[in-house]
Amino acid sequence: MTVAPSPREVFIQGVTQDGRTFRPSDWAERLAGAMSCFRPGGARLGPGAHIGYSPYCVPTVINGVKCVIVNEELRRIEPMAWDFVMNFARDNNLQVADACLLPDGKQTP
């Protein structure tokens, strides 16, 4: 039985290639907010639909650096949204790191 690999995650870091902190300070929340409609089952409708981020594009802070974690699954469900996020990182000269997070408590052999 073949197991399909889990989608990778891309970490867009709020640090430019030359080491400067990216501004404005709420850039991660803005970027993730723009992607909030891309979620499993499509955009939510009704009360509270505007609240919350897509699981494919989540703002966070890692080691004191604002980041947006973008799940590669976004590329499959909406290639233009993926391109938008990746072009944002490129156009703003932000550091980007590929990763594949392992589930908690699991270790590779």
PDB file of N, CA and C in Angstrom:
ATOM      1  N   MET A   1       0.850  -1.174   0.000  1.00  0.00           N
ATOM      2  CA  MET A   1       0.000   0.000   0.000  1.00  0.00           C
ATOM      3  C   MET A   1       0.897   1.238   0.000  1.00  0.00           C
ATOM      4  N   THR A   2       0.614   2.179  -0.888  1.00  0.00           N
ATOM      5  CA  THR A   2       1.392   3.406  -0.982  1.00  0.00           C
ATOM      6  C   THR A   2       0.697   4.499  -0.193  1.00  0.00           C
ATOM      7  N   VAL A   3       1.467   5.194   0.617  1.00  0.00           N
ATOM      8  CA  VAL A   3       0.922   6.293   1.405  1.00  0.00           C
ATOM      9  C   VAL A   3       1.314   7.595   0.718  1.00  0.00           C
ATOM     10  N   ALA A   4       0.308   8.410   0.435  1.00  0.00           N
ATOM     11  CA  ALA A   4       0.585   9.703  -0.197  1.00  0.00           C
ATOM     12  C   ALA A   4       1.260  10.615   0.816  1.00  0.00           C
ATOM     13  N   PRO A   5       2.271  11.354   0.386  1.00  0.00           N
ATOM     14  CA  PRO A   5       2.934  12.255   1.316  1.00  0.00           C
ATOM     15  C   PRO A   5       1.998  13.380   1.740  1.00  0.00           C
ATOM     16  N   SER A   6       2.154  13.814   2.976  1.00  0.00           N
ATOM     17  CA  SER A   6       1.362  14.930   3.485  1.00  0.00           C
ATOM     18  C   SER A   6       1.777  16.203   2.766  1.00  0.00           C
ATOM     19  N   PRO A   7       0.830  17.114   2.596  1.00  0.00           N
ATOM     20  CA  PRO A   7       1.214  18.387   1.983  1.00  0.00           C
ATOM     21  C   PRO A   7       2.274  19.092   2.830  1.00  0.00           C
ATOM     22  N   ARG A   8       3.193  19.728   2.138  1.00  0.00           N
ATOM     23  CA  ARG A   8       4.218  20.498   2.829  1.00  0.00           C
ATOM     24  C   ARG A   8       3.618  21.793   3.318  1.00  0.00           C
ATOM     25  N   GLU A   9       4.355  22.450   4.160  1.00  0.00           N
ATOM     26  CA  GLU A   9       3.989  23.782   4.597  1.00  0.00           C
ATOM     27  C   GLU A   9       5.141  24.714   4.266  1.00  0.00           C
ATOM     28  N   VAL A  10       4.789  25.911   3.885  1.00  0.00           N
ATOM     29  CA  VAL A  10       5.769  26.937   3.565  1.00  0.00           C
ATOM     30  C   VAL A  10       5.638  28.016   4.631  1.00  0.00           C
ATOM     31  N   PHE A  11       6.760  28.374   5.216  1.00  0.00           N
ATOM     32  CA  PHE A  11       6.773  29.411   6.238  1.00  0.00           C
ATOM     33  C   PHE A  11       7.284  30.695   5.606  1.00  0.00           C
ATOM     34  N   ILE A  12       6.400  31.680   5.495  1.00  0.00           N
ATOM     35  CA  ILE A  12       6.804  33.004   5.029  1.00  0.00           C
ATOM     36  C   ILE A  12       7.129  33.795   6.287  1.00  0.00           C
ATOM     37  N   GLN A  13       8.376  34.197   6.397  1.00  0.00           N
ATOM     38  CA  GLN A  13       8.842  34.854   7.616  1.00  0.00           C
ATOM     39  C   GLN A  13       8.858  36.369   7.436  1.00  0.00           C
ATOM     40  N   GLY A  14       8.540  37.077   8.496  1.00  0.00           N
ATOM     41  CA  GLY A  14       8.503  38.531   8.474  1.00  0.00           C
ATOM     42  C   GLY A  14       9.872  39.162   8.582  1.00  0.00           C
ATOM     43  N   VAL A  15      10.831  38.578   7.887  1.00  0.00           N
ATOM     44  CA  VAL A  15      12.204  39.079   7.843  1.00  0.00           C
ATOM     45  C   VAL A  15      12.622  39.087   6.384  1.00  0.00           C
ATOM     46  N   THR A  16      13.162  40.207   5.928  1.00  0.00           N
ATOM     47  CA  THR A  16      13.604  40.306   4.538  1.00  0.00           C
ATOM     48  C   THR A  16      14.900  39.533   4.343  1.00  0.00           C
ATOM     49  N   GLN A  17      15.267  39.317   3.095  1.00  0.00           N
ATOM     50  CA  GLN A  17      16.483  38.586   2.780  1.00  0.00           C
ATOM     51  C   GLN A  17      17.729  39.246   3.376  1.00  0.00           C
ATOM     52  N   ASP A  18      17.666  40.571   3.577  1.00  0.00           N
ATOM     53  CA  ASP A  18      18.823  41.255   4.182  1.00  0.00           C
ATOM     54  C   ASP A  18      18.692  41.406   5.698  1.00  0.00           C
ATOM     55  N   GLY A  19      17.717  40.701   6.309  1.00  0.00           N
ATOM     56  CA  GLY A  19      17.631  40.632   7.763  1.00  0.00           C
ATOM     57  C   GLY A  19      16.790  41.692   8.450  1.00  0.00           C
ATOM     58  N   ARG A  20      16.111  42.528   7.691  1.00  0.00           N
ATOM     59  CA  ARG A  20      15.277  43.563   8.312  1.00  0.00           C
ATOM     60  C   ARG A  20      13.883  43.026   8.625  1.00  0.00           C
ATOM     61  N   THR A  21      13.294  43.520   9.724  1.00  0.00           N
ATOM     62  CA  THR A  21      11.932  43.159  10.084  1.00  0.00           C
ATOM     63  C   THR A  21      10.975  43.792   9.085  1.00  0.00           C
ATOM     64  N   PHE A  22      10.052  42.986   8.567  1.00  0.00           N
ATOM     65  CA  PHE A  22       9.096  43.473   7.583  1.00  0.00           C
ATOM     66  C   PHE A  22       7.998  44.271   8.269  1.00  0.00           C
ATOM     67  N   ARG A  23       7.603  45.352   7.639  1.00  0.00           N
ATOM     68  CA  ARG A  23       6.535  46.226   8.132  1.00  0.00           C
ATOM     69  C   ARG A  23       5.450  46.324   7.083  1.00  0.00           C
ATOM     70  N   PRO A  24       4.211  46.548   7.450  1.00  0.00           N
ATOM     71  CA  PRO A  24       3.702  46.910   8.763  1.00  0.00           C
ATOM     72  C   PRO A  24       3.668  45.708   9.700  1.00  0.00           C
ATOM     73  N   SER A  25       3.522  45.983  10.974  1.00  0.00           N
ATOM     74  CA  SER A  25       3.609  44.917  11.970  1.00  0.00           C
ATOM     75  C   SER A  25       2.467  43.905  11.872  1.00  0.00           C
ATOM     76  N   ASP A  26       1.361  44.264  11.239  1.00  0.00           N
ATOM     77  CA  ASP A  26       0.235  43.337  11.116  1.00  0.00           C
ATOM     78  C   ASP A  26       0.151  42.673   9.734  1.00  0.00           C
ATOM     79  N   TRP A  27       1.283  42.627   9.036  1.00  0.00           N
ATOM     80  CA  TRP A  27       1.293  42.080   7.680  1.00  0.00           C
ATOM     81  C   TRP A  27       0.792  40.635   7.639  1.00  0.00           C
ATOM     82  N   ALA A  28       1.162  39.829   8.634  1.00  0.00           N
ATOM     83  CA  ALA A  28       0.798  38.405   8.629  1.00  0.00           C
ATOM     84  C   ALA A  28      -0.715  38.234   8.764  1.00  0.00           C
ATOM     85  N   GLU A  29      -1.314  39.009   9.635  1.00  0.00           N
ATOM     86  CA  GLU A  29      -2.760  38.938   9.826  1.00  0.00           C
ATOM     87  C   GLU A  29      -3.493  39.421   8.570  1.00  0.00           C
ATOM     88  N   ARG A  30      -2.957  40.452   7.924  1.00  0.00           N
ATOM     89  CA  ARG A  30      -3.576  40.960   6.693  1.00  0.00           C
ATOM     90  C   ARG A  30      -3.511  39.930   5.575  1.00  0.00           C
ATOM     91  N   LEU A  31      -2.349  39.331   5.396  1.00  0.00           N
ATOM     92  CA  LEU A  31      -2.183  38.339   4.339  1.00  0.00           C
ATOM     93  C   LEU A  31      -3.079  37.130   4.585  1.00  0.00           C
ATOM     94  N   ALA A  32      -3.065  36.623   5.807  1.00  0.00           N
ATOM     95  CA  ALA A  32      -3.907  35.466   6.134  1.00  0.00           C
ATOM     96  C   ALA A  32      -5.386  35.827   6.039  1.00  0.00           C
ATOM     97  N   GLY A  33      -5.728  37.055   6.404  1.00  0.00           N
ATOM     98  CA  GLY A  33      -7.120  37.501   6.282  1.00  0.00           C
ATOM     99  C   GLY A  33      -7.588  37.509   4.840  1.00  0.00           C
ATOM    100  N   ALA A  34      -6.713  37.912   3.929  1.00  0.00           N
ATOM    101  CA  ALA A  34      -7.057  37.918   2.506  1.00  0.00           C
ATOM    102  C   ALA A  34      -7.304  36.500   1.991  1.00  0.00           C
ATOM    103  N   MET A  35      -6.724  35.506   2.638  1.00  0.00           N
ATOM    104  CA  MET A  35      -6.866  34.115   2.216  1.00  0.00           C
ATOM    105  C   MET A  35      -7.937  33.370   3.020  1.00  0.00           C
ATOM    106  N   SER A  36      -8.653  34.058   3.908  1.00  0.00           N
ATOM    107  CA  SER A  36      -9.568  33.388   4.838  1.00  0.00           C
ATOM    108  C   SER A  36     -10.710  32.632   4.160  1.00  0.00           C
ATOM    109  N   CYS A  37     -11.080  33.004   2.951  1.00  0.00           N
ATOM    110  CA  CYS A  37     -12.190  32.306   2.286  1.00  0.00           C
ATOM    111  C   CYS A  37     -11.775  30.952   1.708  1.00  0.00           C
ATOM    112  N   PHE A  38     -10.487  30.678   1.634  1.00  0.00           N
ATOM    113  CA  PHE A  38     -10.021  29.405   1.089  1.00  0.00           C
ATOM    114  C   PHE A  38      -9.918  28.399   2.228  1.00  0.00           C
ATOM    115  N   ARG A  39     -10.956  27.568   2.320  1.00  0.00           N
ATOM    116  CA  ARG A  39     -11.029  26.596   3.411  1.00  0.00           C
ATOM    117  C   ARG A  39     -11.721  25.331   2.924  1.00  0.00           C
ATOM    118  N   PRO A  40     -11.549  24.244   3.654  1.00  0.00           N
ATOM    119  CA  PRO A  40     -12.226  23.015   3.239  1.00  0.00           C
ATOM    120  C   PRO A  40     -13.731  23.258   3.123  1.00  0.00           C
ATOM    121  N   GLY A  41     -14.312  22.833   2.034  1.00  0.00           N
ATOM    122  CA  GLY A  41     -15.737  23.023   1.830  1.00  0.00           C
ATOM    123  C   GLY A  41     -16.081  24.394   1.263  1.00  0.00           C
ATOM    124  N   GLY A  42     -15.080  25.229   1.011  1.00  0.00           N
ATOM    125  CA  GLY A  42     -15.329  26.551   0.445  1.00  0.00           C
ATOM    126  C   GLY A  42     -15.585  27.593   1.507  1.00  0.00           C
ATOM    127  N   ALA A  43     -15.906  28.787   1.065  1.00  0.00           N
ATOM    128  CA  ALA A  43     -16.148  29.904   1.979  1.00  0.00           C
ATOM    129  C   ALA A  43     -17.399  29.639   2.808  1.00  0.00           C
ATOM    130  N   ARG A  44     -17.331  30.043   4.064  1.00  0.00           N
ATOM    131  CA  ARG A  44     -18.502  29.930   4.933  1.00  0.00           C
ATOM    132  C   ARG A  44     -19.408  31.122   4.674  1.00  0.00           C
ATOM    133  N   LEU A  45     -20.688  30.892   4.786  1.00  0.00           N
ATOM    134  CA  LEU A  45     -21.667  31.959   4.653  1.00  0.00           C
ATOM    135  C   LEU A  45     -22.431  32.104   5.960  1.00  0.00           C
ATOM    136  N   GLY A  46     -22.982  33.276   6.193  1.00  0.00           N
ATOM    137  CA  GLY A  46     -23.804  33.495   7.365  1.00  0.00           C
ATOM    138  C   GLY A  46     -23.066  34.229   8.457  1.00  0.00           C
ATOM    139  N   PRO A  47     -23.704  34.340   9.631  1.00  0.00           N
ATOM    140  CA  PRO A  47     -23.117  35.085  10.747  1.00  0.00           C
ATOM    141  C   PRO A  47     -21.760  34.507  11.164  1.00  0.00           C
ATOM    142  N   GLY A  48     -20.799  35.390  11.372  1.00  0.00           N
ATOM    143  CA  GLY A  48     -19.478  34.971  11.820  1.00  0.00           C
ATOM    144  C   GLY A  48     -18.588  34.433  10.722  1.00  0.00           C
ATOM    145  N   ALA A  49     -19.061  34.489   9.463  1.00  0.00           N
ATOM    146  CA  ALA A  49     -18.279  33.926   8.359  1.00  0.00           C
ATOM    147  C   ALA A  49     -16.967  34.662   8.152  1.00  0.00           C
ATOM    148  N   HIS A  50     -16.903  35.903   8.555  1.00  0.00           N
ATOM    149  CA  HIS A  50     -15.693  36.698   8.355  1.00  0.00           C
ATOM    150  C   HIS A  50     -14.661  36.484   9.458  1.00  0.00           C
ATOM    151  N   ILE A  51     -15.030  35.733  10.473  1.00  0.00           N
ATOM    152  CA  ILE A  51     -14.138  35.529  11.607  1.00  0.00           C
ATOM    153  C   ILE A  51     -13.344  34.249  11.402  1.00  0.00           C
ATOM    154  N   GLY A  52     -12.040  34.343  11.541  1.00  0.00           N
ATOM    155  CA  GLY A  52     -11.197  33.163  11.465  1.00  0.00           C
ATOM    156  C   GLY A  52     -10.381  33.099  10.192  1.00  0.00           C
ATOM    157  N   TYR A  53      -9.316  32.337  10.257  1.00  0.00           N
ATOM    158  CA  TYR A  53      -8.398  32.174   9.140  1.00  0.00           C
ATOM    159  C   TYR A  53      -8.614  30.829   8.474  1.00  0.00           C
ATOM    160  N   SER A  54      -8.180  30.747   7.246  1.00  0.00           N
ATOM    161  CA  SER A  54      -8.195  29.483   6.540  1.00  0.00           C
ATOM    162  C   SER A  54      -7.151  28.564   7.163  1.00  0.00           C
ATOM    163  N   PRO A  55      -7.430  27.272   7.254  1.00  0.00           N
ATOM    164  CA  PRO A  55      -6.388  26.360   7.756  1.00  0.00           C
ATOM    165  C   PRO A  55      -5.214  26.235   6.787  1.00  0.00           C
ATOM    166  N   TYR A  56      -5.360  26.763   5.572  1.00  0.00           N
ATOM    167  CA  TYR A  56      -4.298  26.706   4.576  1.00  0.00           C
ATOM    168  C   TYR A  56      -3.344  27.892   4.648  1.00  0.00           C
ATOM    169  N   CYS A  57      -3.690  28.906   5.442  1.00  0.00           N
ATOM    170  CA  CYS A  57      -2.875  30.126   5.495  1.00  0.00           C
ATOM    171  C   CYS A  57      -3.083  30.766   6.864  1.00  0.00           C
ATOM    172  N   VAL A  58      -2.166  30.498   7.786  1.00  0.00           N
ATOM    173  CA  VAL A  58      -2.346  30.868   9.184  1.00  0.00           C
ATOM    174  C   VAL A  58      -1.210  31.763   9.675  1.00  0.00           C
ATOM    175  N   PRO A  59      -1.560  32.909  10.279  1.00  0.00           N
ATOM    176  CA  PRO A  59      -0.510  33.747  10.856  1.00  0.00           C
ATOM    177  C   PRO A  59      -0.075  33.187  12.207  1.00  0.00           C
ATOM    178  N   THR A  60       1.187  33.350  12.527  1.00  0.00           N
ATOM    179  CA  THR A  60       1.710  32.877  13.804  1.00  0.00           C
ATOM    180  C   THR A  60       3.000  33.628  14.112  1.00  0.00           C
ATOM    181  N   VAL A  61       3.545  33.362  15.280  1.00  0.00           N
ATOM    182  CA  VAL A  61       4.850  33.903  15.660  1.00  0.00           C
ATOM    183  C   VAL A  61       5.731  32.711  16.017  1.00  0.00           C
ATOM    184  N   ILE A  62       6.912  32.647  15.389  1.00  0.00           N
ATOM    185  CA  ILE A  62       7.866  31.573  15.662  1.00  0.00           C
ATOM    186  C   ILE A  62       9.183  32.212  16.073  1.00  0.00           C
ATOM    187  N   ASN A  63       9.622  31.887  17.278  1.00  0.00           N
ATOM    188  CA  ASN A  63      10.866  32.452  17.822  1.00  0.00           C
ATOM    189  C   ASN A  63      10.894  33.977  17.727  1.00  0.00           C
ATOM    190  N   GLY A  64       9.748  34.596  18.011  1.00  0.00           N
ATOM    191  CA  GLY A  64       9.658  36.043  18.017  1.00  0.00           C
ATOM    192  C   GLY A  64       9.522  36.686  16.651  1.00  0.00           C
ATOM    193  N   VAL A  65       9.379  35.888  15.593  1.00  0.00           N
ATOM    194  CA  VAL A  65       9.263  36.410  14.230  1.00  0.00           C
ATOM    195  C   VAL A  65       7.858  36.115  13.714  1.00  0.00           C
ATOM    196  N   LYS A  66       7.176  37.156  13.238  1.00  0.00           N
ATOM    197  CA  LYS A  66       5.868  36.945  12.627  1.00  0.00           C
ATOM    198  C   LYS A  66       6.041  36.136  11.355  1.00  0.00           C
ATOM    199  N   CYS A  67       5.137  35.188  11.159  1.00  0.00           N
ATOM    200  CA  CYS A  67       5.189  34.300  10.007  1.00  0.00           C
ATOM    201  C   CYS A  67       3.773  34.012   9.532  1.00  0.00           C
ATOM    202  N   VAL A  68       3.674  33.546   8.319  1.00  0.00           N
ATOM    203  CA  VAL A  68       2.438  32.961   7.808  1.00  0.00           C
ATOM    204  C   VAL A  68       2.792  31.562   7.343  1.00  0.00           C
ATOM    205  N   ILE A  69       2.060  30.597   7.861  1.00  0.00           N
ATOM    206  CA  ILE A  69       2.264  29.206   7.467  1.00  0.00           C
ATOM    207  C   ILE A  69       1.245  28.898   6.372  1.00  0.00           C
ATOM    208  N   VAL A  70       1.755  28.546   5.197  1.00  0.00           N
ATOM    209  CA  VAL A  70       0.896  28.278   4.046  1.00  0.00           C
ATOM    210  C   VAL A  70       0.993  26.791   3.718  1.00  0.00           C
ATOM    211  N   ASN A  71      -0.136  26.112   3.789  1.00  0.00           N
ATOM    212  CA  ASN A  71      -0.178  24.694   3.465  1.00  0.00           C
ATOM    213  C   ASN A  71      -0.201  24.528   1.953  1.00  0.00           C
ATOM    214  N   GLU A  72       0.616  23.635   1.444  1.00  0.00           N
ATOM    215  CA  GLU A  72       0.718  23.415   0.009  1.00  0.00           C
ATOM    216  C   GLU A  72      -0.599  22.951  -0.607  1.00  0.00           C
ATOM    217  N   GLU A  73      -1.508  22.471   0.197  1.00  0.00           N
ATOM    218  CA  GLU A  73      -2.827  22.062  -0.297  1.00  0.00           C
ATOM    219  C   GLU A  73      -3.537  23.252  -0.964  1.00  0.00           C
ATOM    220  N   LEU A  74      -3.219  24.478  -0.546  1.00  0.00           N
ATOM    221  CA  LEU A  74      -3.797  25.667  -1.167  1.00  0.00           C
ATOM    222  C   LEU A  74      -3.505  25.687  -2.662  1.00  0.00           C
ATOM    223  N   ARG A  75      -2.331  25.232  -3.043  1.00  0.00           N
ATOM    224  CA  ARG A  75      -1.954  25.195  -4.465  1.00  0.00           C
ATOM    225  C   ARG A  75      -2.899  24.308  -5.251  1.00  0.00           C
ATOM    226  N   ARG A  76      -3.311  23.194  -4.660  1.00  0.00           N
ATOM    227  CA  ARG A  76      -4.212  22.257  -5.341  1.00  0.00           C
ATOM    228  C   ARG A  76      -5.621  22.832  -5.450  1.00  0.00           C
ATOM    229  N   ILE A  77      -6.133  23.408  -4.379  1.00  0.00           N
ATOM    230  CA  ILE A  77      -7.527  23.861  -4.407  1.00  0.00           C
ATOM    231  C   ILE A  77      -7.714  25.204  -5.109  1.00  0.00           C
ATOM    232  N   GLU A  78      -6.671  26.055  -5.081  1.00  0.00           N
ATOM    233  CA  GLU A  78      -6.787  27.359  -5.751  1.00  0.00           C
ATOM    234  C   GLU A  78      -5.399  27.877  -6.128  1.00  0.00           C
ATOM    235  N   PRO A  79      -4.920  27.487  -7.301  1.00  0.00           N
ATOM    236  CA  PRO A  79      -3.577  27.884  -7.729  1.00  0.00           C
ATOM    237  C   PRO A  79      -3.347  29.401  -7.739  1.00  0.00           C
ATOM    238  N   MET A  80      -4.366  30.182  -8.059  1.00  0.00           N
ATOM    239  CA  MET A  80      -4.187  31.636  -8.081  1.00  0.00           C
ATOM    240  C   MET A  80      -3.963  32.195  -6.670  1.00  0.00           C
ATOM    241  N   ALA A  81      -4.609  31.618  -5.669  1.00  0.00           N
ATOM    242  CA  ALA A  81      -4.389  32.047  -4.282  1.00  0.00           C
ATOM    243  C   ALA A  81      -2.962  31.694  -3.859  1.00  0.00           C
ATOM    244  N   TRP A  82      -2.507  30.501  -4.231  1.00  0.00           N
ATOM    245  CA  TRP A  82      -1.125  30.086  -3.931  1.00  0.00           C
ATOM    246  C   TRP A  82      -0.139  31.064  -4.566  1.00  0.00           C
ATOM    247  N   ASP A  83      -0.370  31.376  -5.843  1.00  0.00           N
ATOM    248  CA  ASP A  83       0.517  32.308  -6.537  1.00  0.00           C
ATOM    249  C   ASP A  83       0.508  33.678  -5.867  1.00  0.00           C
ATOM    250  N   PHE A  84      -0.646  34.138  -5.433  1.00  0.00           N
ATOM    251  CA  PHE A  84      -0.747  35.433  -4.764  1.00  0.00           C
ATOM    252  C   PHE A  84       0.131  35.473  -3.512  1.00  0.00           C
ATOM    253  N   VAL A  85       0.017  34.438  -2.692  1.00  0.00           N
ATOM    254  CA  VAL A  85       0.778  34.387  -1.440  1.00  0.00           C
ATOM    255  C   VAL A  85       2.278  34.288  -1.715  1.00  0.00           C
ATOM    256  N   MET A  86       2.654  33.434  -2.643  1.00  0.00           N
ATOM    257  CA  MET A  86       4.072  33.266  -2.935  1.00  0.00           C
ATOM    258  C   MET A  86       4.658  34.507  -3.616  1.00  0.00           C
ATOM    259  N   ASN A  87       3.877  35.151  -4.464  1.00  0.00           N
ATOM    260  CA  ASN A  87       4.336  36.391  -5.092  1.00  0.00           C
ATOM    261  C   ASN A  87       4.457  37.515  -4.069  1.00  0.00           C
ATOM    262  N   PHE A  88       3.590  37.528  -3.072  1.00  0.00           N
ATOM    263  CA  PHE A  88       3.698  38.509  -1.993  1.00  0.00           C
ATOM    264  C   PHE A  88       5.053  38.367  -1.305  1.00  0.00           C
ATOM    265  N   ALA A  89       5.415  37.135  -0.993  1.00  0.00           N
ATOM    266  CA  ALA A  89       6.707  36.884  -0.332  1.00  0.00           C
ATOM    267  C   ALA A  89       7.863  37.306  -1.229  1.00  0.00           C
ATOM    268  N   ARG A  90       7.800  36.931  -2.488  1.00  0.00           N
ATOM    269  CA  ARG A  90       8.867  37.281  -3.432  1.00  0.00           C
ATOM    270  C   ARG A  90       8.954  38.798  -3.632  1.00  0.00           C
ATOM    271  N   ASP A  91       7.823  39.440  -3.877  1.00  0.00           N
ATOM    272  CA  ASP A  91       7.809  40.881  -4.153  1.00  0.00           C
ATOM    273  C   ASP A  91       8.314  41.712  -2.980  1.00  0.00           C
ATOM    274  N   ASN A  92       8.134  41.180  -1.764  1.00  0.00           N
ATOM    275  CA  ASN A  92       8.567  41.898  -0.561  1.00  0.00           C
ATOM    276  C   ASN A  92       9.897  41.382  -0.025  1.00  0.00           C
ATOM    277  N   ASN A  93      10.541  40.499  -0.807  1.00  0.00           N
ATOM    278  CA  ASN A  93      11.876  40.001  -0.466  1.00  0.00           C
ATOM    279  C   ASN A  93      11.916  39.294   0.890  1.00  0.00           C
ATOM    280  N   LEU A  94      10.832  38.563   1.196  1.00  0.00           N
ATOM    281  CA  LEU A  94      10.746  37.887   2.488  1.00  0.00           C
ATOM    282  C   LEU A  94      11.405  36.519   2.443  1.00  0.00           C
ATOM    283  N   GLN A  95      11.903  36.104   3.579  1.00  0.00           N
ATOM    284  CA  GLN A  95      12.501  34.777   3.695  1.00  0.00           C
ATOM    285  C   GLN A  95      11.381  33.738   3.711  1.00  0.00           C
ATOM    286  N   VAL A  96      11.594  32.661   2.968  1.00  0.00           N
ATOM    287  CA  VAL A  96      10.618  31.577   2.864  1.00  0.00           C
ATOM    288  C   VAL A  96      11.335  30.270   3.138  1.00  0.00           C
ATOM    289  N   ALA A  97      10.719  29.430   3.962  1.00  0.00           N
ATOM    290  CA  ALA A  97      11.301  28.126   4.275  1.00  0.00           C
ATOM    291  C   ALA A  97      10.254  27.040   4.055  1.00  0.00           C
ATOM    292  N   ASP A  98      10.630  25.962   3.382  1.00  0.00           N
ATOM    293  CA  ASP A  98       9.758  24.805   3.219  1.00  0.00           C
ATOM    294  C   ASP A  98       9.898  23.927   4.446  1.00  0.00           C
ATOM    295  N   ALA A  99       8.790  23.302   4.818  1.00  0.00           N
ATOM    296  CA  ALA A  99       8.828  22.412   5.979  1.00  0.00           C
ATOM    297  C   ALA A  99       7.776  21.329   5.816  1.00  0.00           C
ATOM    298  N   CYS A 100       7.919  20.307   6.566  1.00  0.00           N
ATOM    299  CA  CYS A 100       6.927  19.248   6.649  1.00  0.00           C
ATOM    300  C   CYS A 100       6.810  18.906   8.120  1.00  0.00           C
ATOM    301  N   LEU A 101       5.750  19.360   8.751  1.00  0.00           N
ATOM    302  CA  LEU A 101       5.611  19.145  10.188  1.00  0.00           C
ATOM    303  C   LEU A 101       5.159  17.717  10.456  1.00  0.00           C
ATOM    304  N   LEU A 102       5.750  17.128  11.454  1.00  0.00           N
ATOM    305  CA  LEU A 102       5.375  15.782  11.876  1.00  0.00           C
ATOM    306  C   LEU A 102       4.328  15.892  12.971  1.00  0.00           C
ATOM    307  N   PRO A 103       3.367  14.969  12.999  1.00  0.00           N
ATOM    308  CA  PRO A 103       2.387  15.004  14.068  1.00  0.00           C
ATOM    309  C   PRO A 103       3.054  14.874  15.426  1.00  0.00           C
ATOM    310  N   ASP A 104       2.445  15.480  16.445  1.00  0.00           N
ATOM    311  CA  ASP A 104       2.998  15.408  17.803  1.00  0.00           C
ATOM    312  C   ASP A 104       3.158  13.958  18.241  1.00  0.00           C
ATOM    313  N   GLY A 105       4.277  13.685  18.891  1.00  0.00           N
ATOM    314  CA  GLY A 105       4.526  12.367  19.440  1.00  0.00           C
ATOM    315  C   GLY A 105       5.031  11.355  18.430  1.00  0.00           C
ATOM    316  N   LYS A 106       5.135  11.735  17.187  1.00  0.00           N
ATOM    317  CA  LYS A 106       5.607  10.802  16.158  1.00  0.00           C
ATOM    318  C   LYS A 106       7.046  11.145  15.791  1.00  0.00           C
ATOM    319  N   GLN A 107       7.852  10.131  15.644  1.00  0.00           N
ATOM    320  CA  GLN A 107       9.226  10.329  15.231  1.00  0.00           C
ATOM    321  C   GLN A 107       9.489   9.460  14.022  1.00  0.00           C
ATOM    322  N   THR A 108      10.343   9.936  13.149  1.00  0.00           N
ATOM    323  CA  THR A 108      10.710   9.126  11.995  1.00  0.00           C
ATOM    324  C   THR A 108      11.749   8.099  12.427  1.00  0.00           C
ATOM    325  N   PRO A 109      11.749   6.924  11.794  1.00  0.00           N
ATOM    326  CA  PRO A 109      12.727   5.890  12.177  1.00  0.00           C
ATOM    327  C   PRO A 109      14.137   6.266  11.789  1.00  0.00           C
TER     328      PRO A 109
END
